[in-house]
């Protein structure tokens, strides 16, 4: 049996804002991303857990997108 394409779930605006902040202005800091998205300061671990698949998907894309530039920078250093 062939693997099926993973279904994309609907995210709330607050969840989307968290993900955008996590990979944007929060520079990977989940606590700061949670604050930017309007979550309470103590709830960010639960948000990360609930968005684990989406975080990993975006991280994988970011690594793929930036890997050649990173490698060239390391080689040239």
N, C-alpha and C. Protein backbone atom coordinates (compact mmCIF):
# COMPACT_ATOMS: atom_id res chain seq x y z
N UNK A 1 0.85 -1.18 0.00
CA UNK A 1 0.00 0.00 0.00
C UNK A 1 0.89 1.24 0.00
N UNK A 2 0.60 2.19 -0.86
CA UNK A 2 1.36 3.42 -0.97
C UNK A 2 0.98 4.38 0.15
N UNK A 3 1.96 5.13 0.65
CA UNK A 3 1.62 6.13 1.68
C UNK A 3 0.71 7.20 1.10
N UNK A 4 -0.22 7.66 1.90
CA UNK A 4 -1.13 8.71 1.45
C UNK A 4 -0.59 10.07 1.85
N UNK A 5 -0.99 11.08 1.12
CA UNK A 5 -0.58 12.44 1.45
C UNK A 5 -1.27 12.87 2.75
N UNK A 6 -0.47 13.45 3.65
CA UNK A 6 -1.01 13.88 4.94
C UNK A 6 -2.04 14.99 4.73
N UNK A 7 -3.15 14.84 5.40
CA UNK A 7 -4.19 15.86 5.31
C UNK A 7 -3.76 17.12 6.05
N UNK A 8 -4.08 18.26 5.48
CA UNK A 8 -3.80 19.54 6.12
C UNK A 8 -5.01 19.92 6.95
N UNK A 9 -4.78 20.24 8.21
CA UNK A 9 -5.90 20.62 9.06
C UNK A 9 -6.06 22.13 9.06
N UNK A 10 -7.26 22.55 9.38
CA UNK A 10 -7.55 23.97 9.48
C UNK A 10 -6.99 24.51 10.78
N UNK A 11 -6.25 25.59 10.69
CA UNK A 11 -5.69 26.23 11.87
C UNK A 11 -6.47 27.49 12.18
N UNK A 12 -6.52 27.84 13.46
CA UNK A 12 -7.15 29.10 13.83
C UNK A 12 -6.22 30.25 13.44
N UNK A 13 -6.75 31.44 13.44
CA UNK A 13 -5.93 32.62 13.16
C UNK A 13 -4.82 32.75 14.19
N UNK A 14 -5.12 32.43 15.44
CA UNK A 14 -4.13 32.53 16.50
C UNK A 14 -3.01 31.50 16.30
N UNK A 15 -3.37 30.29 15.89
CA UNK A 15 -2.35 29.27 15.60
C UNK A 15 -1.47 29.70 14.43
N UNK A 16 -2.08 30.22 13.38
CA UNK A 16 -1.31 30.71 12.23
C UNK A 16 -0.36 31.83 12.66
N UNK A 17 -0.88 32.74 13.49
CA UNK A 17 -0.05 33.85 13.96
C UNK A 17 1.12 33.34 14.76
N UNK A 18 0.90 32.30 15.58
CA UNK A 18 1.98 31.69 16.35
C UNK A 18 3.05 31.14 15.42
N UNK A 19 2.65 30.38 14.41
CA UNK A 19 3.61 29.79 13.48
C UNK A 19 4.38 30.86 12.71
N UNK A 20 3.68 31.89 12.27
CA UNK A 20 4.34 32.97 11.54
C UNK A 20 5.35 33.68 12.44
N UNK A 21 4.98 33.91 13.69
CA UNK A 21 5.89 34.58 14.63
C UNK A 21 7.07 33.68 14.96
N UNK A 22 6.82 32.38 15.14
CA UNK A 22 7.88 31.45 15.51
C UNK A 22 8.98 31.43 14.45
N UNK A 23 8.59 31.46 13.18
CA UNK A 23 9.57 31.43 12.10
C UNK A 23 9.90 32.83 11.59
N UNK A 24 9.38 33.84 12.25
CA UNK A 24 9.63 35.22 11.84
C UNK A 24 10.24 36.00 12.98
N UNK A 25 9.49 36.97 13.48
CA UNK A 25 10.04 37.93 14.44
C UNK A 25 10.47 37.32 15.77
N UNK A 26 9.96 36.15 16.15
CA UNK A 26 10.37 35.52 17.40
C UNK A 26 11.67 34.71 17.24
N UNK A 27 12.12 34.59 16.02
CA UNK A 27 13.39 33.89 15.74
C UNK A 27 13.48 32.52 16.40
N UNK A 28 12.40 31.76 16.33
CA UNK A 28 12.40 30.40 16.86
C UNK A 28 12.10 30.27 18.34
N UNK A 29 11.84 31.37 19.03
CA UNK A 29 11.56 31.33 20.46
C UNK A 29 10.06 31.09 20.65
N UNK A 30 9.66 29.88 21.10
CA UNK A 30 8.22 29.59 21.21
C UNK A 30 7.49 30.42 22.26
N UNK A 31 8.17 30.77 23.34
CA UNK A 31 7.52 31.60 24.35
C UNK A 31 7.19 32.97 23.78
N UNK A 32 8.15 33.56 23.07
CA UNK A 32 7.93 34.87 22.46
C UNK A 32 6.87 34.79 21.37
N UNK A 33 6.90 33.71 20.58
CA UNK A 33 5.89 33.54 19.52
C UNK A 33 4.50 33.44 20.13
N UNK A 34 4.39 32.76 21.26
CA UNK A 34 3.10 32.65 21.95
C UNK A 34 2.59 33.99 22.42
N UNK A 35 3.50 34.80 22.95
CA UNK A 35 3.11 36.14 23.41
C UNK A 35 2.66 36.99 22.23
N UNK A 36 3.38 36.92 21.12
CA UNK A 36 3.02 37.69 19.92
C UNK A 36 1.64 37.27 19.42
N UNK A 37 1.36 35.96 19.49
CA UNK A 37 0.09 35.44 18.99
C UNK A 37 -1.06 35.64 19.97
N UNK A 38 -0.77 36.10 21.18
CA UNK A 38 -1.82 36.37 22.14
C UNK A 38 -2.12 35.23 23.09
N UNK A 39 -1.24 34.24 23.18
CA UNK A 39 -1.42 33.17 24.15
C UNK A 39 -0.89 33.62 25.50
N UNK A 40 -1.40 33.01 26.56
CA UNK A 40 -0.87 33.33 27.89
C UNK A 40 0.55 32.81 27.99
N UNK A 41 1.39 33.47 28.79
CA UNK A 41 2.81 33.11 28.87
C UNK A 41 3.07 31.64 29.25
N UNK A 42 2.19 31.04 30.02
CA UNK A 42 2.40 29.66 30.46
C UNK A 42 1.85 28.61 29.50
N UNK A 43 1.14 29.02 28.45
CA UNK A 43 0.47 28.04 27.58
C UNK A 43 1.28 27.63 26.36
N UNK A 44 2.43 28.29 26.12
CA UNK A 44 3.14 27.98 24.89
C UNK A 44 3.58 26.50 24.75
N UNK A 45 3.92 25.77 25.85
CA UNK A 45 4.27 24.36 25.64
C UNK A 45 3.11 23.54 25.05
N UNK A 46 1.90 23.85 25.48
CA UNK A 46 0.73 23.15 24.94
C UNK A 46 0.51 23.53 23.48
N UNK A 47 0.76 24.77 23.13
CA UNK A 47 0.61 25.23 21.75
C UNK A 47 1.63 24.51 20.87
N UNK A 48 2.87 24.43 21.33
CA UNK A 48 3.91 23.73 20.56
C UNK A 48 3.51 22.26 20.36
N UNK A 49 3.04 21.63 21.41
CA UNK A 49 2.63 20.22 21.31
C UNK A 49 1.50 20.04 20.30
N UNK A 50 0.54 20.94 20.32
CA UNK A 50 -0.61 20.80 19.41
C UNK A 50 -0.24 21.13 17.96
N UNK A 51 0.82 21.92 17.77
CA UNK A 51 1.22 22.32 16.42
C UNK A 51 2.51 21.62 15.97
N UNK A 52 2.87 20.54 16.65
CA UNK A 52 4.13 19.84 16.38
C UNK A 52 4.30 19.51 14.90
N UNK A 53 3.30 18.94 14.27
CA UNK A 53 3.41 18.54 12.86
C UNK A 53 3.61 19.75 11.96
N UNK A 54 2.88 20.82 12.22
CA UNK A 54 3.00 22.03 11.41
C UNK A 54 4.37 22.68 11.61
N UNK A 55 4.88 22.66 12.86
CA UNK A 55 6.20 23.22 13.13
C UNK A 55 7.27 22.43 12.39
N UNK A 56 7.19 21.11 12.47
CA UNK A 56 8.17 20.27 11.78
C UNK A 56 8.12 20.46 10.27
N UNK A 57 6.92 20.58 9.73
CA UNK A 57 6.77 20.80 8.29
C UNK A 57 7.41 22.11 7.86
N UNK A 58 7.16 23.17 8.62
CA UNK A 58 7.75 24.48 8.28
C UNK A 58 9.25 24.48 8.50
N UNK A 59 9.72 23.77 9.53
CA UNK A 59 11.16 23.68 9.78
C UNK A 59 11.85 22.93 8.64
N UNK A 60 11.24 21.87 8.19
CA UNK A 60 11.79 21.09 7.07
C UNK A 60 11.88 21.96 5.82
N UNK A 61 10.85 22.71 5.54
CA UNK A 61 10.86 23.60 4.38
C UNK A 61 11.95 24.66 4.52
N UNK A 62 12.06 25.23 5.71
CA UNK A 62 13.06 26.27 5.95
C UNK A 62 14.47 25.71 5.77
N UNK A 63 14.71 24.50 6.27
CA UNK A 63 16.02 23.87 6.10
C UNK A 63 16.32 23.63 4.62
N UNK A 64 15.34 23.13 3.90
CA UNK A 64 15.54 22.87 2.47
C UNK A 64 15.80 24.17 1.71
N UNK A 65 15.07 25.19 2.06
CA UNK A 65 15.17 26.47 1.37
C UNK A 65 16.52 27.15 1.61
N UNK A 66 17.05 27.01 2.82
CA UNK A 66 18.26 27.73 3.21
C UNK A 66 19.53 26.88 3.28
N UNK A 67 19.43 25.59 3.02
CA UNK A 67 20.58 24.71 3.23
C UNK A 67 21.75 25.02 2.30
N UNK A 68 21.49 25.31 1.04
CA UNK A 68 22.59 25.58 0.11
C UNK A 68 23.36 26.84 0.53
N UNK A 69 22.65 27.86 0.93
CA UNK A 69 23.29 29.10 1.37
C UNK A 69 24.12 28.84 2.64
N UNK A 70 23.57 28.05 3.56
CA UNK A 70 24.28 27.75 4.80
C UNK A 70 25.56 26.96 4.52
N UNK A 71 25.46 25.99 3.64
CA UNK A 71 26.63 25.18 3.30
C UNK A 71 27.70 26.05 2.66
N UNK A 72 27.31 26.90 1.75
CA UNK A 72 28.28 27.77 1.08
C UNK A 72 28.96 28.70 2.10
N UNK A 73 28.20 29.21 3.04
CA UNK A 73 28.76 30.07 4.08
C UNK A 73 29.78 29.34 4.93
N UNK A 74 29.48 28.09 5.29
CA UNK A 74 30.40 27.29 6.08
C UNK A 74 31.67 26.96 5.29
N UNK A 75 31.51 26.60 4.05
CA UNK A 75 32.66 26.27 3.21
C UNK A 75 33.55 27.48 3.01
N UNK A 76 32.95 28.64 2.82
CA UNK A 76 33.73 29.85 2.57
C UNK A 76 34.33 30.45 3.84
N UNK A 77 33.92 29.96 5.00
CA UNK A 77 34.43 30.53 6.26
C UNK A 77 35.85 30.13 6.58
